[in-house]
Amino acid sequence: MSSSSPDWTDAIADSTLCGYFYVFFVIFSVLAGLSVLSAIYMFATTKITGGLVLAVLLAKLINFGISATAALFLYLICERALKPSKSSQLKHSQAAKQAASGSGLLMM
């Protein structure tokens, strides 16, 4: 076992995990969009003034920030961690070959 993950996780395909994280990415993206649209609609149709406007604006901004950050984080999990670039895969395969040839030399 060359990685730090348990053996039972090798059977789980990356596409399965990406699909799982993609569902939550879509949910958080929709929440972020609804937050912006509801803020625009509310400010266009209601006549609120003073500190209440600032309170609602701050609440909508916090809601958008949390939703957008969570969506981007879930996207990066799939894009960067589960689908490594070809150059990093090449480095890992070269390192594994060197380790295998080095351990073969030690056994002789």
PDB file of N, CA and C in Angstrom:
ATOM      1  N   MET A   1       0.854  -1.175   0.000  1.00  0.00           N
ATOM      2  CA  MET A   1       0.000   0.000   0.000  1.00  0.00           C
ATOM      3  C   MET A   1       0.896   1.232   0.000  1.00  0.00           C
ATOM      4  N   SER A   2       0.844   1.999  -1.096  1.00  0.00           N
ATOM      5  CA  SER A   2       1.735   3.135  -1.215  1.00  0.00           C
ATOM      6  C   SER A   2       1.095   4.437  -0.761  1.00  0.00           C
ATOM      7  N   SER A   3      -0.225   4.469  -0.633  1.00  0.00           N
ATOM      8  CA  SER A   3      -0.879   5.708  -0.201  1.00  0.00           C
ATOM      9  C   SER A   3      -1.303   5.590   1.260  1.00  0.00           C
ATOM     10  N   SER A   4      -1.751   6.702   1.807  1.00  0.00           N
ATOM     11  CA  SER A   4      -2.142   6.709   3.206  1.00  0.00           C
ATOM     12  C   SER A   4      -3.607   6.342   3.389  1.00  0.00           C
ATOM     13  N   SER A   5      -4.332   6.059   2.296  1.00  0.00           N
ATOM     14  CA  SER A   5      -5.744   5.711   2.410  1.00  0.00           C
ATOM     15  C   SER A   5      -5.903   4.218   2.698  1.00  0.00           C
ATOM     16  N   PRO A   6      -6.966   3.861   3.409  1.00  0.00           N
ATOM     17  CA  PRO A   6      -7.211   2.442   3.699  1.00  0.00           C
ATOM     18  C   PRO A   6      -7.504   1.657   2.414  1.00  0.00           C
ATOM     19  N   ASP A   7      -7.302   0.355   2.464  1.00  0.00           N
ATOM     20  CA  ASP A   7      -7.502  -0.494   1.287  1.00  0.00           C
ATOM     21  C   ASP A   7      -8.951  -0.498   0.804  1.00  0.00           C
ATOM     22  N   TRP A   8      -9.914  -0.429   1.716  1.00  0.00           N
ATOM     23  CA  TRP A   8     -11.312  -0.520   1.311  1.00  0.00           C
ATOM     24  C   TRP A   8     -11.741   0.685   0.486  1.00  0.00           C
ATOM     25  N   THR A   9     -11.022   1.802   0.535  1.00  0.00           N
ATOM     26  CA  THR A   9     -11.396   2.977  -0.253  1.00  0.00           C
ATOM     27  C   THR A   9     -10.954   2.871  -1.704  1.00  0.00           C
ATOM     28  N   ASP A  10     -10.073   1.926  -2.011  1.00  0.00           N
ATOM     29  CA  ASP A  10      -9.610   1.769  -3.398  1.00  0.00           C
ATOM     30  C   ASP A  10     -10.735   1.330  -4.323  1.00  0.00           C
ATOM     31  N   ALA A  11     -11.735   0.645  -3.789  1.00  0.00           N
ATOM     32  CA  ALA A  11     -12.845   0.165  -4.612  1.00  0.00           C
ATOM     33  C   ALA A  11     -13.815   1.280  -4.994  1.00  0.00           C
ATOM     34  N   ILE A  12     -13.763   2.416  -4.325  1.00  0.00           N
ATOM     35  CA  ILE A  12     -14.670   3.529  -4.610  1.00  0.00           C
ATOM     36  C   ILE A  12     -14.079   4.352  -5.750  1.00  0.00           C
ATOM     37  N   ALA A  13     -14.831   4.470  -6.824  1.00  0.00           N
ATOM     38  CA  ALA A  13     -14.352   5.207  -7.995  1.00  0.00           C
ATOM     39  C   ALA A  13     -14.385   6.709  -7.733  1.00  0.00           C
ATOM     40  N   ASP A  14     -13.442   7.424  -8.353  1.00  0.00           N
ATOM     41  CA  ASP A  14     -13.416   8.879  -8.221  1.00  0.00           C
ATOM     42  C   ASP A  14     -14.683   9.506  -8.787  1.00  0.00           C
ATOM     43  N   SER A  15     -15.256   8.919  -9.820  1.00  0.00           N
ATOM     44  CA  SER A  15     -16.473   9.482 -10.410  1.00  0.00           C
ATOM     45  C   SER A  15     -17.642   9.419  -9.419  1.00  0.00           C
ATOM     46  N   THR A  16     -17.675   8.395  -8.591  1.00  0.00           N
ATOM     47  CA  THR A  16     -18.723   8.294  -7.569  1.00  0.00           C
ATOM     48  C   THR A  16     -18.585   9.417  -6.549  1.00  0.00           C
ATOM     49  N   LEU A  17     -17.357   9.639  -6.101  1.00  0.00           N
ATOM     50  CA  LEU A  17     -17.131  10.720  -5.137  1.00  0.00           C
ATOM     51  C   LEU A  17     -17.388  12.086  -5.754  1.00  0.00           C
ATOM     52  N   CYS A  18     -16.962  12.262  -7.004  1.00  0.00           N
ATOM     53  CA  CYS A  18     -17.195  13.545  -7.668  1.00  0.00           C
ATOM     54  C   CYS A  18     -18.686  13.803  -7.848  1.00  0.00           C
ATOM     55  N   GLY A  19     -19.440  12.756  -8.157  1.00  0.00           N
ATOM     56  CA  GLY A  19     -20.893  12.911  -8.280  1.00  0.00           C
ATOM     57  C   GLY A  19     -21.521  13.320  -6.964  1.00  0.00           C
ATOM     58  N   TYR A  20     -21.046  12.725  -5.882  1.00  0.00           N
ATOM     59  CA  TYR A  20     -21.548  13.060  -4.548  1.00  0.00           C
ATOM     60  C   TYR A  20     -21.262  14.524  -4.211  1.00  0.00           C
ATOM     61  N   PHE A  21     -20.023  14.959  -4.425  1.00  0.00           N
ATOM     62  CA  PHE A  21     -19.674  16.334  -4.128  1.00  0.00           C
ATOM     63  C   PHE A  21     -20.325  17.312  -5.105  1.00  0.00           C
ATOM     64  N   TYR A  22     -20.571  16.867  -6.336  1.00  0.00           N
ATOM     65  CA  TYR A  22     -21.201  17.736  -7.325  1.00  0.00           C
ATOM     66  C   TYR A  22     -22.630  18.082  -6.930  1.00  0.00           C
ATOM     67  N   VAL A  23     -23.357  17.130  -6.344  1.00  0.00           N
ATOM     68  CA  VAL A  23     -24.725  17.398  -5.888  1.00  0.00           C
ATOM     69  C   VAL A  23     -24.712  18.527  -4.863  1.00  0.00           C
ATOM     70  N   PHE A  24     -23.816  18.465  -3.899  1.00  0.00           N
ATOM     71  CA  PHE A  24     -23.741  19.520  -2.896  1.00  0.00           C
ATOM     72  C   PHE A  24     -23.225  20.834  -3.486  1.00  0.00           C
ATOM     73  N   PHE A  25     -22.342  20.751  -4.481  1.00  0.00           N
ATOM     74  CA  PHE A  25     -21.884  21.949  -5.185  1.00  0.00           C
ATOM     75  C   PHE A  25     -23.067  22.666  -5.824  1.00  0.00           C
ATOM     76  N   VAL A  26     -23.945  21.922  -6.477  1.00  0.00           N
ATOM     77  CA  VAL A  26     -25.117  22.516  -7.120  1.00  0.00           C
ATOM     78  C   VAL A  26     -26.049  23.126  -6.074  1.00  0.00           C
ATOM     79  N   ILE A  27     -26.261  22.422  -4.971  1.00  0.00           N
ATOM     80  CA  ILE A  27     -27.146  22.934  -3.915  1.00  0.00           C
ATOM     81  C   ILE A  27     -26.614  24.253  -3.369  1.00  0.00           C
ATOM     82  N   PHE A  28     -25.327  24.316  -3.044  1.00  0.00           N
ATOM     83  CA  PHE A  28     -24.766  25.549  -2.498  1.00  0.00           C
ATOM     84  C   PHE A  28     -24.716  26.663  -3.539  1.00  0.00           C
ATOM     85  N   SER A  29     -24.524  26.323  -4.804  1.00  0.00           N
ATOM     86  CA  SER A  29     -24.538  27.340  -5.858  1.00  0.00           C
ATOM     87  C   SER A  29     -25.933  27.939  -6.015  1.00  0.00           C
ATOM     88  N   VAL A  30     -26.943  27.088  -5.951  1.00  0.00           N
ATOM     89  CA  VAL A  30     -28.325  27.572  -6.039  1.00  0.00           C
ATOM     90  C   VAL A  30     -28.641  28.470  -4.841  1.00  0.00           C
ATOM     91  N   LEU A  31     -28.203  28.072  -3.654  1.00  0.00           N
ATOM     92  CA  LEU A  31     -28.429  28.913  -2.475  1.00  0.00           C
ATOM     93  C   LEU A  31     -27.753  30.275  -2.617  1.00  0.00           C
ATOM     94  N   ALA A  32     -26.536  30.299  -3.151  1.00  0.00           N
ATOM     95  CA  ALA A  32     -25.843  31.569  -3.353  1.00  0.00           C
ATOM     96  C   ALA A  32     -26.594  32.433  -4.360  1.00  0.00           C
ATOM     97  N   GLY A  33     -27.050  31.823  -5.445  1.00  0.00           N
ATOM     98  CA  GLY A  33     -27.815  32.578  -6.443  1.00  0.00           C
ATOM     99  C   GLY A  33     -29.125  33.103  -5.896  1.00  0.00           C
ATOM    100  N   LEU A  34     -29.831  32.260  -5.139  1.00  0.00           N
ATOM    101  CA  LEU A  34     -31.088  32.706  -4.532  1.00  0.00           C
ATOM    102  C   LEU A  34     -30.867  33.832  -3.531  1.00  0.00           C
ATOM    103  N   SER A  35     -29.764  33.801  -2.846  1.00  0.00           N
ATOM    104  CA  SER A  35     -29.454  34.869  -1.892  1.00  0.00           C
ATOM    105  C   SER A  35     -29.310  36.205  -2.606  1.00  0.00           C
ATOM    106  N   VAL A  36     -28.591  36.215  -3.712  1.00  0.00           N
ATOM    107  CA  VAL A  36     -28.401  37.454  -4.473  1.00  0.00           C
ATOM    108  C   VAL A  36     -29.721  37.912  -5.086  1.00  0.00           C
ATOM    109  N   LEU A  37     -30.461  36.979  -5.700  1.00  0.00           N
ATOM    110  CA  LEU A  37     -31.726  37.345  -6.330  1.00  0.00           C
ATOM    111  C   LEU A  37     -32.756  37.838  -5.319  1.00  0.00           C
ATOM    112  N   SER A  38     -32.810  37.211  -4.157  1.00  0.00           N
ATOM    113  CA  SER A  38     -33.765  37.656  -3.138  1.00  0.00           C
ATOM    114  C   SER A  38     -33.394  39.028  -2.589  1.00  0.00           C
ATOM    115  N   ALA A  39     -32.108  39.312  -2.472  1.00  0.00           N
ATOM    116  CA  ALA A  39     -31.684  40.643  -2.008  1.00  0.00           C
ATOM    117  C   ALA A  39     -32.068  41.704  -3.035  1.00  0.00           C
ATOM    118  N   ILE A  40     -31.843  41.414  -4.314  1.00  0.00           N
ATOM    119  CA  ILE A  40     -32.214  42.374  -5.369  1.00  0.00           C
ATOM    120  C   ILE A  40     -33.723  42.583  -5.391  1.00  0.00           C
ATOM    121  N   TYR A  41     -34.485  41.504  -5.339  1.00  0.00           N
ATOM    122  CA  TYR A  41     -35.942  41.607  -5.344  1.00  0.00           C
ATOM    123  C   TYR A  41     -36.449  42.379  -4.130  1.00  0.00           C
ATOM    124  N   MET A  42     -35.883  42.079  -2.978  1.00  0.00           N
ATOM    125  CA  MET A  42     -36.344  42.734  -1.759  1.00  0.00           C
ATOM    126  C   MET A  42     -36.059  44.234  -1.801  1.00  0.00           C
ATOM    127  N   PHE A  43     -34.875  44.610  -2.247  1.00  0.00           N
ATOM    128  CA  PHE A  43     -34.537  46.033  -2.290  1.00  0.00           C
ATOM    129  C   PHE A  43     -35.312  46.766  -3.383  1.00  0.00           C
ATOM    130  N   ALA A  44     -35.724  46.063  -4.424  1.00  0.00           N
ATOM    131  CA  ALA A  44     -36.472  46.701  -5.511  1.00  0.00           C
ATOM    132  C   ALA A  44     -37.953  46.865  -5.181  1.00  0.00           C
ATOM    133  N   THR A  45     -38.498  46.002  -4.336  1.00  0.00           N
ATOM    134  CA  THR A  45     -39.954  46.017  -4.121  1.00  0.00           C
ATOM    135  C   THR A  45     -40.379  46.532  -2.754  1.00  0.00           C
ATOM    136  N   THR A  46     -39.517  46.540  -1.769  1.00  0.00           N
ATOM    137  CA  THR A  46     -39.934  46.974  -0.433  1.00  0.00           C
ATOM    138  C   THR A  46     -39.400  48.365  -0.131  1.00  0.00           C
ATOM    139  N   LYS A  47     -40.023  48.996   0.814  1.00  0.00           N
ATOM    140  CA  LYS A  47     -39.642  50.351   1.219  1.00  0.00           C
ATOM    141  C   LYS A  47     -39.101  50.343   2.653  1.00  0.00           C
ATOM    142  N   ILE A  48     -38.006  49.658   2.861  1.00  0.00           N
ATOM    143  CA  ILE A  48     -37.402  49.653   4.187  1.00  0.00           C
ATOM    144  C   ILE A  48     -36.286  50.690   4.223  1.00  0.00           C
ATOM    145  N   THR A  49     -36.080  51.260   5.388  1.00  0.00           N
ATOM    146  CA  THR A  49     -35.087  52.324   5.516  1.00  0.00           C
ATOM    147  C   THR A  49     -34.217  52.102   6.737  1.00  0.00           C
ATOM    148  N   GLY A  50     -33.153  52.867   6.800  1.00  0.00           N
ATOM    149  CA  GLY A  50     -32.306  52.925   7.987  1.00  0.00           C
ATOM    150  C   GLY A  50     -31.486  51.680   8.229  1.00  0.00           C
ATOM    151  N   GLY A  51     -31.387  51.363   9.516  1.00  0.00           N
ATOM    152  CA  GLY A  51     -30.547  50.256   9.952  1.00  0.00           C
ATOM    153  C   GLY A  51     -31.051  48.906   9.491  1.00  0.00           C
ATOM    154  N   LEU A  52     -32.344  48.810   9.222  1.00  0.00           N
ATOM    155  CA  LEU A  52     -32.895  47.537   8.766  1.00  0.00           C
ATOM    156  C   LEU A  52     -32.326  47.148   7.401  1.00  0.00           C
ATOM    157  N   VAL A  53     -32.109  48.135   6.538  1.00  0.00           N
ATOM    158  CA  VAL A  53     -31.525  47.863   5.226  1.00  0.00           C
ATOM    159  C   VAL A  53     -30.120  47.295   5.392  1.00  0.00           C
ATOM    160  N   LEU A  54     -29.353  47.889   6.269  1.00  0.00           N
ATOM    161  CA  LEU A  54     -27.992  47.405   6.497  1.00  0.00           C
ATOM    162  C   LEU A  54     -27.977  46.008   7.117  1.00  0.00           C
ATOM    163  N   ALA A  55     -28.904  45.754   8.020  1.00  0.00           N
ATOM    164  CA  ALA A  55     -28.973  44.439   8.652  1.00  0.00           C
ATOM    165  C   ALA A  55     -29.326  43.358   7.631  1.00  0.00           C
ATOM    166  N   VAL A  56     -30.296  43.645   6.781  1.00  0.00           N
ATOM    167  CA  VAL A  56     -30.701  42.672   5.768  1.00  0.00           C
ATOM    168  C   VAL A  56     -29.580  42.494   4.751  1.00  0.00           C
ATOM    169  N   LEU A  57     -28.946  43.583   4.353  1.00  0.00           N
ATOM    170  CA  LEU A  57     -27.842  43.497   3.404  1.00  0.00           C
ATOM    171  C   LEU A  57     -26.687  42.663   3.974  1.00  0.00           C
ATOM    172  N   LEU A  58     -26.360  42.866   5.233  1.00  0.00           N
ATOM    173  CA  LEU A  58     -25.299  42.090   5.873  1.00  0.00           C
ATOM    174  C   LEU A  58     -25.669  40.608   5.947  1.00  0.00           C
ATOM    175  N   ALA A  59     -26.929  40.308   6.295  1.00  0.00           N
ATOM    176  CA  ALA A  59     -27.376  38.913   6.368  1.00  0.00           C
ATOM    177  C   ALA A  59     -27.301  38.239   4.996  1.00  0.00           C
ATOM    178  N   LYS A  60     -27.733  38.938   3.964  1.00  0.00           N
ATOM    179  CA  LYS A  60     -27.680  38.381   2.610  1.00  0.00           C
ATOM    180  C   LYS A  60     -26.236  38.206   2.149  1.00  0.00           C
ATOM    181  N   LEU A  61     -25.376  39.125   2.496  1.00  0.00           N
ATOM    182  CA  LEU A  61     -23.966  39.036   2.122  1.00  0.00           C
ATOM    183  C   LEU A  61     -23.283  37.858   2.815  1.00  0.00           C
ATOM    184  N   ILE A  62     -23.580  37.664   4.082  1.00  0.00           N
ATOM    185  CA  ILE A  62     -23.021  36.521   4.821  1.00  0.00           C
ATOM    186  C   ILE A  62     -23.536  35.214   4.232  1.00  0.00           C
ATOM    187  N   ASN A  63     -24.835  35.154   3.933  1.00  0.00           N
ATOM    188  CA  ASN A  63     -25.421  33.953   3.334  1.00  0.00           C
ATOM    189  C   ASN A  63     -24.769  33.655   1.988  1.00  0.00           C
ATOM    190  N   PHE A  64     -24.582  34.663   1.159  1.00  0.00           N
ATOM    191  CA  PHE A  64     -23.940  34.470  -0.134  1.00  0.00           C
ATOM    192  C   PHE A  64     -22.491  34.012   0.043  1.00  0.00           C
ATOM    193  N   GLY A  65     -21.773  34.629   0.953  1.00  0.00           N
ATOM    194  CA  GLY A  65     -20.366  34.280   1.169  1.00  0.00           C
ATOM    195  C   GLY A  65     -20.180  32.843   1.614  1.00  0.00           C
ATOM    196  N   ILE A  66     -20.998  32.401   2.541  1.00  0.00           N
ATOM    197  CA  ILE A  66     -20.900  31.023   3.029  1.00  0.00           C
ATOM    198  C   ILE A  66     -21.265  30.035   1.921  1.00  0.00           C
ATOM    199  N   SER A  67     -22.338  30.309   1.200  1.00  0.00           N
ATOM    200  CA  SER A  67     -22.773  29.397   0.134  1.00  0.00           C
ATOM    201  C   SER A  67     -21.752  29.328  -0.998  1.00  0.00           C
ATOM    202  N   ALA A  68     -21.235  30.466  -1.418  1.00  0.00           N
ATOM    203  CA  ALA A  68     -20.260  30.483  -2.516  1.00  0.00           C
ATOM    204  C   ALA A  68     -18.955  29.809  -2.101  1.00  0.00           C
ATOM    205  N   THR A  69     -18.507  30.051  -0.884  1.00  0.00           N
ATOM    206  CA  THR A  69     -17.275  29.422  -0.404  1.00  0.00           C
ATOM    207  C   THR A  69     -17.429  27.907  -0.316  1.00  0.00           C
ATOM    208  N   ALA A  70     -18.548  27.450   0.197  1.00  0.00           N
ATOM    209  CA  ALA A  70     -18.790  26.005   0.291  1.00  0.00           C
ATOM    210  C   ALA A  70     -18.865  25.377  -1.093  1.00  0.00           C
ATOM    211  N   ALA A  71     -19.531  26.049  -2.038  1.00  0.00           N
ATOM    212  CA  ALA A  71     -19.638  25.508  -3.397  1.00  0.00           C
ATOM    213  C   ALA A  71     -18.268  25.412  -4.052  1.00  0.00           C
ATOM    214  N   LEU A  72     -17.458  26.444  -3.927  1.00  0.00           N
ATOM    215  CA  LEU A  72     -16.130  26.411  -4.532  1.00  0.00           C
ATOM    216  C   LEU A  72     -15.235  25.371  -3.867  1.00  0.00           C
ATOM    217  N   PHE A  73     -15.354  25.205  -2.567  1.00  0.00           N
ATOM    218  CA  PHE A  73     -14.578  24.196  -1.852  1.00  0.00           C
ATOM    219  C   PHE A  73     -14.924  22.792  -2.346  1.00  0.00           C
ATOM    220  N   LEU A  74     -16.228  22.522  -2.510  1.00  0.00           N
ATOM    221  CA  LEU A  74     -16.645  21.207  -2.994  1.00  0.00           C
ATOM    222  C   LEU A  74     -16.187  20.976  -4.425  1.00  0.00           C
ATOM    223  N   TYR A  75     -16.181  22.026  -5.236  1.00  0.00           N
ATOM    224  CA  TYR A  75     -15.685  21.906  -6.610  1.00  0.00           C
ATOM    225  C   TYR A  75     -14.191  21.574  -6.603  1.00  0.00           C
ATOM    226  N   LEU A  76     -13.440  22.235  -5.747  1.00  0.00           N
ATOM    227  CA  LEU A  76     -11.995  21.999  -5.701  1.00  0.00           C
ATOM    228  C   LEU A  76     -11.647  20.608  -5.178  1.00  0.00           C
ATOM    229  N   ILE A  77     -12.474  20.073  -4.297  1.00  0.00           N
ATOM    230  CA  ILE A  77     -12.229  18.709  -3.817  1.00  0.00           C
ATOM    231  C   ILE A  77     -12.206  17.752  -4.991  1.00  0.00           C
ATOM    232  N   CYS A  78     -13.187  17.863  -5.853  1.00  0.00           N
ATOM    233  CA  CYS A  78     -13.267  16.946  -6.993  1.00  0.00           C
ATOM    234  C   CYS A  78     -12.209  17.273  -8.034  1.00  0.00           C
ATOM    235  N   GLU A  79     -12.031  18.533  -8.362  1.00  0.00           N
ATOM    236  CA  GLU A  79     -11.136  18.913  -9.448  1.00  0.00           C
ATOM    237  C   GLU A  79      -9.672  18.714  -9.109  1.00  0.00           C
ATOM    238  N   ARG A  80      -9.263  19.032  -7.918  1.00  0.00           N
ATOM    239  CA  ARG A  80      -7.837  18.992  -7.575  1.00  0.00           C
ATOM    240  C   ARG A  80      -7.435  17.707  -6.849  1.00  0.00           C
ATOM    241  N   ALA A  81      -8.235  17.280  -5.891  1.00  0.00           N
ATOM    242  CA  ALA A  81      -7.832  16.134  -5.070  1.00  0.00           C
ATOM    243  C   ALA A  81      -8.159  14.807  -5.741  1.00  0.00           C
ATOM    244  N   LEU A  82      -9.343  14.710  -6.343  1.00  0.00           N
ATOM    245  CA  LEU A  82      -9.750  13.433  -6.902  1.00  0.00           C
ATOM    246  C   LEU A  82      -9.329  13.248  -8.346  1.00  0.00           C
ATOM    247  N   LYS A  83      -9.049  14.339  -9.035  1.00  0.00           N
ATOM    248  CA  LYS A  83      -8.588  14.258 -10.424  1.00  0.00           C
ATOM    249  C   LYS A  83      -7.248  14.970 -10.531  1.00  0.00           C
ATOM    250  N   PRO A  84      -6.185  14.350 -10.049  1.00  0.00           N
ATOM    251  CA  PRO A  84      -4.876  15.017 -10.090  1.00  0.00           C
ATOM    252  C   PRO A  84      -4.415  15.238 -11.521  1.00  0.00           C
ATOM    253  N   SER A  85      -3.573  16.232 -11.696  1.00  0.00           N
ATOM    254  CA  SER A  85      -3.078  16.542 -13.032  1.00  0.00           C
ATOM    255  C   SER A  85      -2.171  15.433 -13.539  1.00  0.00           C
ATOM    256  N   LYS A  86      -1.980  15.406 -14.848  1.00  0.00           N
ATOM    257  CA  LYS A  86      -1.160  14.354 -15.442  1.00  0.00           C
ATOM    258  C   LYS A  86       0.290  14.457 -14.995  1.00  0.00           C
ATOM    259  N   SER A  87       0.780  15.674 -14.772  1.00  0.00           N
ATOM    260  CA  SER A  87       2.170  15.818 -14.346  1.00  0.00           C
ATOM    261  C   SER A  87       2.385  15.228 -12.957  1.00  0.00           C
ATOM    262  N   SER A  88       1.412  15.410 -12.057  1.00  0.00           N
ATOM    263  CA  SER A  88       1.573  14.826 -10.726  1.00  0.00           C
ATOM    264  C   SER A  88       1.426  13.311 -10.778  1.00  0.00           C
ATOM    265  N   GLN A  89       0.577  12.804 -11.676  1.00  0.00           N
ATOM    266  CA  GLN A  89       0.461  11.353 -11.823  1.00  0.00           C
ATOM    267  C   GLN A  89       1.754  10.774 -12.365  1.00  0.00           C
ATOM    268  N   LEU A  90       2.377  11.481 -13.300  1.00  0.00           N
ATOM    269  CA  LEU A  90       3.636  11.032 -13.865  1.00  0.00           C
ATOM    270  C   LEU A  90       4.722  11.014 -12.795  1.00  0.00           C
ATOM    271  N   LYS A  91       4.767  12.039 -11.953  1.00  0.00           N
ATOM    272  CA  LYS A  91       5.752  12.095 -10.869  1.00  0.00           C
ATOM    273  C   LYS A  91       5.557  10.933  -9.903  1.00  0.00           C
ATOM    274  N   HIS A  92       4.283  10.657  -9.561  1.00  0.00           N
ATOM    275  CA  HIS A  92       4.002   9.569  -8.624  1.00  0.00           C
ATOM    276  C   HIS A  92       4.387   8.224  -9.225  1.00  0.00           C
ATOM    277  N   SER A  93       4.123   8.030 -10.518  1.00  0.00           N
ATOM    278  CA  SER A  93       4.470   6.748 -11.124  1.00  0.00           C
ATOM    279  C   SER A  93       5.988   6.581 -11.227  1.00  0.00           C
ATOM    280  N   GLN A  94       6.697   7.693 -11.507  1.00  0.00           N
ATOM    281  CA  GLN A  94       8.156   7.614 -11.556  1.00  0.00           C
ATOM    282  C   GLN A  94       8.728   7.327 -10.173  1.00  0.00           C
ATOM    283  N   ALA A  95       8.163   7.964  -9.162  1.00  0.00           N
ATOM    284  CA  ALA A  95       8.633   7.726  -7.795  1.00  0.00           C
ATOM    285  C   ALA A  95       8.370   6.279  -7.376  1.00  0.00           C
ATOM    286  N   ALA A  96       7.219   5.739  -7.782  1.00  0.00           N
ATOM    287  CA  ALA A  96       6.901   4.349  -7.443  1.00  0.00           C
ATOM    288  C   ALA A  96       7.862   3.389  -8.141  1.00  0.00           C
ATOM    289  N   LYS A  97       8.200   3.685  -9.396  1.00  0.00           N
ATOM    290  CA  LYS A  97       9.146   2.844 -10.122  1.00  0.00           C
ATOM    291  C   LYS A  97      10.520   2.881  -9.466  1.00  0.00           C
ATOM    292  N   GLN A  98      10.946   4.072  -9.041  1.00  0.00           N
ATOM    293  CA  GLN A  98      12.246   4.191  -8.385  1.00  0.00           C
ATOM    294  C   GLN A  98      12.255   3.461  -7.056  1.00  0.00           C
ATOM    295  N   ALA A  99      11.150   3.579  -6.329  1.00  0.00           N
ATOM    296  CA  ALA A  99      11.078   2.880  -5.045  1.00  0.00           C
ATOM    297  C   ALA A  99      11.093   1.369  -5.246  1.00  0.00           C
ATOM    298  N   ALA A 100      10.389   0.921  -6.275  1.00  0.00           N
ATOM    299  CA  ALA A 100      10.360  -0.527  -6.547  1.00  0.00           C
ATOM    300  C   ALA A 100      11.719  -1.024  -6.976  1.00  0.00           C
ATOM    301  N   SER A 101      12.403  -0.263  -7.813  1.00  0.00           N
ATOM    302  CA  SER A 101      13.733  -0.721  -8.252  1.00  0.00           C
ATOM    303  C   SER A 101      14.730  -0.627  -7.102  1.00  0.00           C
ATOM    304  N   GLY A 102      14.590   0.347  -6.229  1.00  0.00           N
ATOM    305  CA  GLY A 102      15.480   0.471  -5.080  1.00  0.00           C
ATOM    306  C   GLY A 102      15.280  -0.647  -4.082  1.00  0.00           C
ATOM    307  N   SER A 103      14.006  -1.018  -3.857  1.00  0.00           N
ATOM    308  CA  SER A 103      13.756  -2.113  -2.923  1.00  0.00           C
ATOM    309  C   SER A 103      14.189  -3.442  -3.506  1.00  0.00           C
ATOM    310  N   GLY A 104      14.130  -3.589  -4.838  1.00  0.00           N
ATOM    311  CA  GLY A 104      14.601  -4.815  -5.480  1.00  0.00           C
ATOM    312  C   GLY A 104      16.105  -4.963  -5.338  1.00  0.00           C
ATOM    313  N   LEU A 105      16.820  -3.855  -5.373  1.00  0.00           N
ATOM    314  CA  LEU A 105      18.273  -3.900  -5.216  1.00  0.00           C
ATOM    315  C   LEU A 105      18.666  -4.272  -3.795  1.00  0.00           C
ATOM    316  N   LEU A 106      17.877  -3.814  -2.839  1.00  0.00           N
ATOM    317  CA  LEU A 106      18.198  -4.114  -1.445  1.00  0.00           C
ATOM    318  C   LEU A 106      17.983  -5.590  -1.134  1.00  0.00           C
ATOM    319  N   MET A 107      17.046  -6.225  -1.814  1.00  0.00           N
ATOM    320  CA  MET A 107      16.774  -7.618  -1.544  1.00  0.00           C
ATOM    321  C   MET A 107      17.860  -8.533  -2.103  1.00  0.00           C
ATOM    322  N   MET A 108      18.547  -8.096  -3.113  1.00  0.00           N
ATOM    323  CA  MET A 108      19.573  -8.947  -3.746  1.00  0.00           C
ATOM    324  C   MET A 108      20.764  -9.037  -2.907  1.00  0.00           C
TER     325      MET A 108
END
